[in-house]
Amino acid sequence: MGEMQFLNKTGHSTLEWDVRDDESTSMAEAEFDKLLHEGYVAFQRERRDKDAQRVDSFDPAADEILWVRPLRGG
């Protein structure tokens, strides 16, 4: 089971998927693509590791994907 975590206008959101369930995996991939298109940056982290790696494509086998909205100065 994998999960995505991100902050949005409604607060903290979590989306989970099961790699054995095509429907939940497709929904997670669609959400990944949507957030990437909206300018969020994805980091994939395996639960056993502390470091996260930036990713640009959805990996259904990922344990956790963390989304960050880049800050903009002004």
PDB file of N, CA and C in Angstrom:
ATOM      1  N   MET A   1       0.841  -1.174   0.000  1.00  0.00           N
ATOM      2  CA  MET A   1       0.000   0.000   0.000  1.00  0.00           C
ATOM      3  C   MET A   1       0.881   1.230   0.000  1.00  0.00           C
ATOM      4  N   GLY A   2       0.600   2.160  -0.865  1.00  0.00           N
ATOM      5  CA  GLY A   2       1.346   3.404  -0.938  1.00  0.00           C
ATOM      6  C   GLY A   2       0.462   4.568  -0.555  1.00  0.00           C
ATOM      7  N   GLU A   3       1.079   5.696  -0.288  1.00  0.00           N
ATOM      8  CA  GLU A   3       0.295   6.884   0.034  1.00  0.00           C
ATOM      9  C   GLU A   3       0.993   8.139  -0.445  1.00  0.00           C
ATOM     10  N   MET A   4       0.155   9.137  -0.781  1.00  0.00           N
ATOM     11  CA  MET A   4       0.625  10.467  -1.129  1.00  0.00           C
ATOM     12  C   MET A   4       0.121  11.412  -0.057  1.00  0.00           C
ATOM     13  N   GLN A   5       0.969  12.365   0.314  1.00  0.00           N
ATOM     14  CA  GLN A   5       0.582  13.353   1.293  1.00  0.00           C
ATOM     15  C   GLN A   5       0.900  14.728   0.740  1.00  0.00           C
ATOM     16  N   PHE A   6      -0.067  15.648   0.910  1.00  0.00           N
ATOM     17  CA  PHE A   6       0.135  16.993   0.409  1.00  0.00           C
ATOM     18  C   PHE A   6      -0.763  17.972   1.143  1.00  0.00           C
ATOM     19  N   LEU A   7      -0.334  19.231   1.139  1.00  0.00           N
ATOM     20  CA  LEU A   7      -1.132  20.318   1.675  1.00  0.00           C
ATOM     21  C   LEU A   7      -1.838  20.986   0.511  1.00  0.00           C
ATOM     22  N   ASN A   8      -3.091  21.342   0.742  1.00  0.00           N
ATOM     23  CA  ASN A   8      -3.836  22.076  -0.277  1.00  0.00           C
ATOM     24  C   ASN A   8      -4.746  23.093   0.406  1.00  0.00           C
ATOM     25  N   LYS A   9      -5.645  23.699  -0.319  1.00  0.00           N
ATOM     26  CA  LYS A   9      -6.518  24.737   0.227  1.00  0.00           C
ATOM     27  C   LYS A   9      -7.417  24.222   1.351  1.00  0.00           C
ATOM     28  N   THR A  10      -7.676  22.936   1.365  1.00  0.00           N
ATOM     29  CA  THR A  10      -8.542  22.368   2.396  1.00  0.00           C
ATOM     30  C   THR A  10      -7.756  21.820   3.581  1.00  0.00           C
ATOM     31  N   GLY A  11      -6.440  21.903   3.540  1.00  0.00           N
ATOM     32  CA  GLY A  11      -5.598  21.394   4.620  1.00  0.00           C
ATOM     33  C   GLY A  11      -4.742  20.238   4.141  1.00  0.00           C
ATOM     34  N   HIS A  12      -4.445  19.339   5.052  1.00  0.00           N
ATOM     35  CA  HIS A  12      -3.610  18.171   4.757  1.00  0.00           C
ATOM     36  C   HIS A  12      -4.472  17.076   4.141  1.00  0.00           C
ATOM     37  N   SER A  13      -4.006  16.512   3.048  1.00  0.00           N
ATOM     38  CA  SER A  13      -4.731  15.423   2.387  1.00  0.00           C
ATOM     39  C   SER A  13      -3.818  14.221   2.214  1.00  0.00           C
ATOM     40  N   THR A  14      -4.410  13.061   2.285  1.00  0.00           N
ATOM     41  CA  THR A  14      -3.691  11.808   2.066  1.00  0.00           C
ATOM     42  C   THR A  14      -4.475  10.981   1.070  1.00  0.00           C
ATOM     43  N   LEU A  15      -3.777  10.416   0.116  1.00  0.00           N
ATOM     44  CA  LEU A  15      -4.387   9.526  -0.865  1.00  0.00           C
ATOM     45  C   LEU A  15      -3.630   8.205  -0.809  1.00  0.00           C
ATOM     46  N   GLU A  16      -4.340   7.117  -0.613  1.00  0.00           N
ATOM     47  CA  GLU A  16      -3.713   5.806  -0.548  1.00  0.00           C
ATOM     48  C   GLU A  16      -4.114   4.976  -1.758  1.00  0.00           C
ATOM     49  N   TRP A  17      -3.221   4.081  -2.146  1.00  0.00           N
ATOM     50  CA  TRP A  17      -3.523   3.152  -3.227  1.00  0.00           C
ATOM     51  C   TRP A  17      -2.909   1.801  -2.907  1.00  0.00           C
ATOM     52  N   ASP A  18      -3.441   0.789  -3.542  1.00  0.00           N
ATOM     53  CA  ASP A  18      -2.938  -0.579  -3.389  1.00  0.00           C
ATOM     54  C   ASP A  18      -2.488  -1.039  -4.765  1.00  0.00           C
ATOM     55  N   VAL A  19      -1.229  -1.402  -4.892  1.00  0.00           N
ATOM     56  CA  VAL A  19      -0.663  -1.786  -6.185  1.00  0.00           C
ATOM     57  C   VAL A  19      -1.418  -2.968  -6.798  1.00  0.00           C
ATOM     58  N   ARG A  20      -2.107  -3.760  -5.970  1.00  0.00           N
ATOM     59  CA  ARG A  20      -2.881  -4.906  -6.478  1.00  0.00           C
ATOM     60  C   ARG A  20      -4.267  -4.504  -6.976  1.00  0.00           C
ATOM     61  N   ASP A  21      -4.636  -3.229  -6.756  1.00  0.00           N
ATOM     62  CA  ASP A  21      -5.948  -2.720  -7.157  1.00  0.00           C
ATOM     63  C   ASP A  21      -5.761  -1.708  -8.286  1.00  0.00           C
ATOM     64  N   ASP A  22      -6.090  -2.111  -9.495  1.00  0.00           N
ATOM     65  CA  ASP A  22      -5.873  -1.248 -10.663  1.00  0.00           C
ATOM     66  C   ASP A  22      -6.602   0.081 -10.556  1.00  0.00           C
ATOM     67  N   GLU A  23      -7.817   0.078 -10.025  1.00  0.00           N
ATOM     68  CA  GLU A  23      -8.599   1.318  -9.934  1.00  0.00           C
ATOM     69  C   GLU A  23      -7.937   2.325  -8.993  1.00  0.00           C
ATOM     70  N   SER A  24      -7.516   1.875  -7.809  1.00  0.00           N
ATOM     71  CA  SER A  24      -6.889   2.815  -6.868  1.00  0.00           C
ATOM     72  C   SER A  24      -5.539   3.292  -7.402  1.00  0.00           C
ATOM     73  N   THR A  25      -4.818   2.423  -8.089  1.00  0.00           N
ATOM     74  CA  THR A  25      -3.525   2.811  -8.661  1.00  0.00           C
ATOM     75  C   THR A  25      -3.717   3.832  -9.779  1.00  0.00           C
ATOM     76  N   SER A  26      -4.731   3.635 -10.609  1.00  0.00           N
ATOM     77  CA  SER A  26      -5.023   4.594 -11.687  1.00  0.00           C
ATOM     78  C   SER A  26      -5.427   5.949 -11.124  1.00  0.00           C
ATOM     79  N   MET A  27      -6.217   5.937 -10.060  1.00  0.00           N
ATOM     80  CA  MET A  27      -6.626   7.197  -9.424  1.00  0.00           C
ATOM     81  C   MET A  27      -5.418   7.924  -8.841  1.00  0.00           C
ATOM     82  N   ALA A  28      -4.509   7.175  -8.220  1.00  0.00           N
ATOM     83  CA  ALA A  28      -3.307   7.779  -7.649  1.00  0.00           C
ATOM     84  C   ALA A  28      -2.411   8.357  -8.744  1.00  0.00           C
ATOM     85  N   GLU A  29      -2.271   7.634  -9.843  1.00  0.00           N
ATOM     86  CA  GLU A  29      -1.459   8.137 -10.946  1.00  0.00           C
ATOM     87  C   GLU A  29      -2.064   9.399 -11.553  1.00  0.00           C
ATOM     88  N   ALA A  30      -3.382   9.440 -11.675  1.00  0.00           N
ATOM     89  CA  ALA A  30      -4.057  10.639 -12.201  1.00  0.00           C
ATOM     90  C   ALA A  30      -3.836  11.825 -11.262  1.00  0.00           C
ATOM     91  N   GLU A  31      -3.914  11.588  -9.959  1.00  0.00           N
ATOM     92  CA  GLU A  31      -3.677  12.659  -8.985  1.00  0.00           C
ATOM     93  C   GLU A  31      -2.224  13.118  -9.046  1.00  0.00           C
ATOM     94  N   PHE A  32      -1.291  12.196  -9.197  1.00  0.00           N
ATOM     95  CA  PHE A  32       0.126  12.531  -9.349  1.00  0.00           C
ATOM     96  C   PHE A  32       0.309  13.474 -10.543  1.00  0.00           C
ATOM     97  N   ASP A  33      -0.252  13.099 -11.679  1.00  0.00           N
ATOM     98  CA  ASP A  33      -0.116  13.909 -12.895  1.00  0.00           C
ATOM     99  C   ASP A  33      -0.742  15.287 -12.711  1.00  0.00           C
ATOM    100  N   LYS A  34      -1.892  15.339 -12.039  1.00  0.00           N
ATOM    101  CA  LYS A  34      -2.596  16.605 -11.797  1.00  0.00           C
ATOM    102  C   LYS A  34      -1.747  17.527 -10.927  1.00  0.00           C
ATOM    103  N   LEU A  35      -1.223  17.009  -9.827  1.00  0.00           N
ATOM    104  CA  LEU A  35      -0.411  17.827  -8.926  1.00  0.00           C
ATOM    105  C   LEU A  35       0.879  18.286  -9.591  1.00  0.00           C
ATOM    106  N   LEU A  36       1.493  17.420 -10.356  1.00  0.00           N
ATOM    107  CA  LEU A  36       2.709  17.789 -11.084  1.00  0.00           C
ATOM    108  C   LEU A  36       2.412  18.934 -12.053  1.00  0.00           C
ATOM    109  N   HIS A  37       1.295  18.841 -12.750  1.00  0.00           N
ATOM    110  CA  HIS A  37       0.881  19.875 -13.699  1.00  0.00           C
ATOM    111  C   HIS A  37       0.578  21.204 -12.982  1.00  0.00           C
ATOM    112  N   GLU A  38       0.093  21.123 -11.741  1.00  0.00           N
ATOM    113  CA  GLU A  38      -0.228  22.329 -10.963  1.00  0.00           C
ATOM    114  C   GLU A  38       1.011  22.980 -10.357  1.00  0.00           C
ATOM    115  N   GLY A  39       2.180  22.367 -10.547  1.00  0.00           N
ATOM    116  CA  GLY A  39       3.419  22.971 -10.082  1.00  0.00           C
ATOM    117  C   GLY A  39       3.966  22.412  -8.781  1.00  0.00           C
ATOM    118  N   TYR A  40       3.298  21.415  -8.217  1.00  0.00           N
ATOM    119  CA  TYR A  40       3.828  20.774  -7.015  1.00  0.00           C
ATOM    120  C   TYR A  40       5.071  19.963  -7.381  1.00  0.00           C
ATOM    121  N   VAL A  41       5.926  19.726  -6.399  1.00  0.00           N
ATOM    122  CA  VAL A  41       7.136  18.934  -6.583  1.00  0.00           C
ATOM    123  C   VAL A  41       7.000  17.675  -5.737  1.00  0.00           C
ATOM    124  N   ALA A  42       7.278  16.511  -6.332  1.00  0.00           N
ATOM    125  CA  ALA A  42       7.098  15.232  -5.657  1.00  0.00           C
ATOM    126  C   ALA A  42       8.431  14.685  -5.153  1.00  0.00           C
ATOM    127  N   PHE A  43       8.384  14.123  -3.948  1.00  0.00           N
ATOM    128  CA  PHE A  43       9.521  13.431  -3.360  1.00  0.00           C
ATOM    129  C   PHE A  43       9.059  12.054  -2.917  1.00  0.00           C
ATOM    130  N   GLN A  44       9.797  11.058  -3.299  1.00  0.00           N
ATOM    131  CA  GLN A  44       9.459   9.676  -2.944  1.00  0.00           C
ATOM    132  C   GLN A  44      10.352   9.233  -1.805  1.00  0.00           C
ATOM    133  N   ARG A  45       9.738   8.617  -0.823  1.00  0.00           N
ATOM    134  CA  ARG A  45      10.496   8.142   0.332  1.00  0.00           C
ATOM    135  C   ARG A  45      10.041   6.735   0.677  1.00  0.00           C
ATOM    136  N   GLU A  46      11.009   5.875   0.875  1.00  0.00           N
ATOM    137  CA  GLU A  46      10.718   4.538   1.364  1.00  0.00           C
ATOM    138  C   GLU A  46      10.648   4.643   2.875  1.00  0.00           C
ATOM    139  N   ARG A  47       9.675   4.022   3.470  1.00  0.00           N
ATOM    140  CA  ARG A  47       9.472   4.178   4.909  1.00  0.00           C
ATOM    141  C   ARG A  47      10.683   3.777   5.736  1.00  0.00           C
ATOM    142  N   ARG A  48      11.459   2.854   5.234  1.00  0.00           N
ATOM    143  CA  ARG A  48      12.631   2.414   6.000  1.00  0.00           C
ATOM    144  C   ARG A  48      13.796   3.392   5.894  1.00  0.00           C
ATOM    145  N   ASP A  49      13.756   4.299   4.927  1.00  0.00           N
ATOM    146  CA  ASP A  49      14.812   5.291   4.737  1.00  0.00           C
ATOM    147  C   ASP A  49      14.334   6.651   5.221  1.00  0.00           C
ATOM    148  N   LYS A  50      15.269   7.486   5.601  1.00  0.00           N
ATOM    149  CA  LYS A  50      14.907   8.823   6.063  1.00  0.00           C
ATOM    150  C   LYS A  50      14.962   9.857   4.946  1.00  0.00           C
ATOM    151  N   ASP A  51      15.776   9.610   3.928  1.00  0.00           N
ATOM    152  CA  ASP A  51      15.939  10.573   2.846  1.00  0.00           C
ATOM    153  C   ASP A  51      14.887  10.369   1.766  1.00  0.00           C
ATOM    154  N   ALA A  52      14.435  11.466   1.210  1.00  0.00           N
ATOM    155  CA  ALA A  52      13.478  11.417   0.103  1.00  0.00           C
ATOM    156  C   ALA A  52      14.195  11.841  -1.171  1.00  0.00           C
ATOM    157  N   GLN A  53      13.781  11.265  -2.282  1.00  0.00           N
ATOM    158  CA  GLN A  53      14.356  11.585  -3.589  1.00  0.00           C
ATOM    159  C   GLN A  53      13.296  12.250  -4.455  1.00  0.00           C
ATOM    160  N   ARG A  54      13.672  13.312  -5.131  1.00  0.00           N
ATOM    161  CA  ARG A  54      12.737  13.984  -6.031  1.00  0.00           C
ATOM    162  C   ARG A  54      12.408  13.055  -7.200  1.00  0.00           C
ATOM    163  N   VAL A  55      11.132  13.007  -7.567  1.00  0.00           N
ATOM    164  CA  VAL A  55      10.687  12.170  -8.682  1.00  0.00           C
ATOM    165  C   VAL A  55       9.780  12.979  -9.600  1.00  0.00           C
ATOM    166  N   ASP A  56       9.759  12.589 -10.865  1.00  0.00           N
ATOM    167  CA  ASP A  56       8.920  13.262 -11.856  1.00  0.00           C
ATOM    168  C   ASP A  56       7.907  12.324 -12.496  1.00  0.00           C
ATOM    169  N   SER A  57       7.876  11.069 -12.039  1.00  0.00           N
ATOM    170  CA  SER A  57       6.899  10.121 -12.579  1.00  0.00           C
ATOM    171  C   SER A  57       6.377   9.236 -11.452  1.00  0.00           C
ATOM    172  N   PHE A  58       5.171   8.764 -11.620  1.00  0.00           N
ATOM    173  CA  PHE A  58       4.498   7.962 -10.606  1.00  0.00           C
ATOM    174  C   PHE A  58       5.062   6.545 -10.576  1.00  0.00           C
ATOM    175  N   ASP A  59       5.392   6.077  -9.393  1.00  0.00           N
ATOM    176  CA  ASP A  59       5.851   4.707  -9.179  1.00  0.00           C
ATOM    177  C   ASP A  59       4.829   4.014  -8.283  1.00  0.00           C
ATOM    178  N   PRO A  60       4.012   3.113  -8.830  1.00  0.00           N
ATOM    179  CA  PRO A  60       2.982   2.467  -8.019  1.00  0.00           C
ATOM    180  C   PRO A  60       3.545   1.655  -6.863  1.00  0.00           C
ATOM    181  N   ALA A  61       4.827   1.277  -6.920  1.00  0.00           N
ATOM    182  CA  ALA A  61       5.440   0.496  -5.854  1.00  0.00           C
ATOM    183  C   ALA A  61       5.989   1.380  -4.724  1.00  0.00           C
ATOM    184  N   ALA A  62       5.869   2.696  -4.851  1.00  0.00           N
ATOM    185  CA  ALA A  62       6.390   3.607  -3.834  1.00  0.00           C
ATOM    186  C   ALA A  62       5.647   3.438  -2.514  1.00  0.00           C
ATOM    187  N   ASP A  63       6.397   3.551  -1.426  1.00  0.00           N
ATOM    188  CA  ASP A  63       5.771   3.541  -0.107  1.00  0.00           C
ATOM    189  C   ASP A  63       5.068   4.865   0.169  1.00  0.00           C
ATOM    190  N   GLU A  64       5.770   5.964  -0.102  1.00  0.00           N
ATOM    191  CA  GLU A  64       5.230   7.273   0.233  1.00  0.00           C
ATOM    192  C   GLU A  64       5.714   8.311  -0.762  1.00  0.00           C
ATOM    193  N   ILE A  65       4.801   9.166  -1.188  1.00  0.00           N
ATOM    194  CA  ILE A  65       5.133  10.303  -2.046  1.00  0.00           C
ATOM    195  C   ILE A  65       4.682  11.556  -1.313  1.00  0.00           C
ATOM    196  N   LEU A  66       5.608  12.473  -1.111  1.00  0.00           N
ATOM    197  CA  LEU A  66       5.341  13.723  -0.421  1.00  0.00           C
ATOM    198  C   LEU A  66       5.328  14.847  -1.445  1.00  0.00           C
ATOM    199  N   TRP A  67       4.329  15.701  -1.354  1.00  0.00           N
ATOM    200  CA  TRP A  67       4.208  16.805  -2.298  1.00  0.00           C
ATOM    201  C   TRP A  67       4.519  18.124  -1.601  1.00  0.00           C
ATOM    202  N   VAL A  68       5.284  18.956  -2.304  1.00  0.00           N
ATOM    203  CA  VAL A  68       5.657  20.275  -1.783  1.00  0.00           C
ATOM    204  C   VAL A  68       5.310  21.304  -2.835  1.00  0.00           C
ATOM    205  N   ARG A  69       4.710  22.399  -2.402  1.00  0.00           N
ATOM    206  CA  ARG A  69       4.440  23.511  -3.310  1.00  0.00           C
ATOM    207  C   ARG A  69       5.627  24.468  -3.200  1.00  0.00           C
ATOM    208  N   PRO A  70       6.334  24.724  -4.291  1.00  0.00           N
ATOM    209  CA  PRO A  70       7.493  25.641  -4.224  1.00  0.00           C
ATOM    210  C   PRO A  70       7.079  27.024  -3.723  1.00  0.00           C
ATOM    211  N   LEU A  71       7.938  27.621  -2.916  1.00  0.00           N
ATOM    212  CA  LEU A  71       7.706  28.980  -2.442  1.00  0.00           C
ATOM    213  C   LEU A  71       8.156  29.959  -3.495  1.00  0.00           C
ATOM    214  N   ARG A  72       7.440  31.056  -3.569  1.00  0.00           N
ATOM    215  CA  ARG A  72       7.803  32.089  -4.545  1.00  0.00           C
ATOM    216  C   ARG A  72       8.003  33.401  -3.807  1.00  0.00           C
ATOM    217  N   GLY A  73       9.136  33.998  -4.061  1.00  0.00           N
ATOM    218  CA  GLY A  73       9.430  35.287  -3.416  1.00  0.00           C
ATOM    219  C   GLY A  73       8.773  36.433  -4.154  1.00  0.00           C
ATOM    220  N   GLY A  74       8.789  37.582  -3.543  1.00  0.00           N
ATOM    221  CA  GLY A  74       8.206  38.691  -4.243  1.00  0.00           C
ATOM    222  C   GLY A  74       8.373  39.966  -3.598  1.00  0.00           C
TER     223      GLY A  74
END
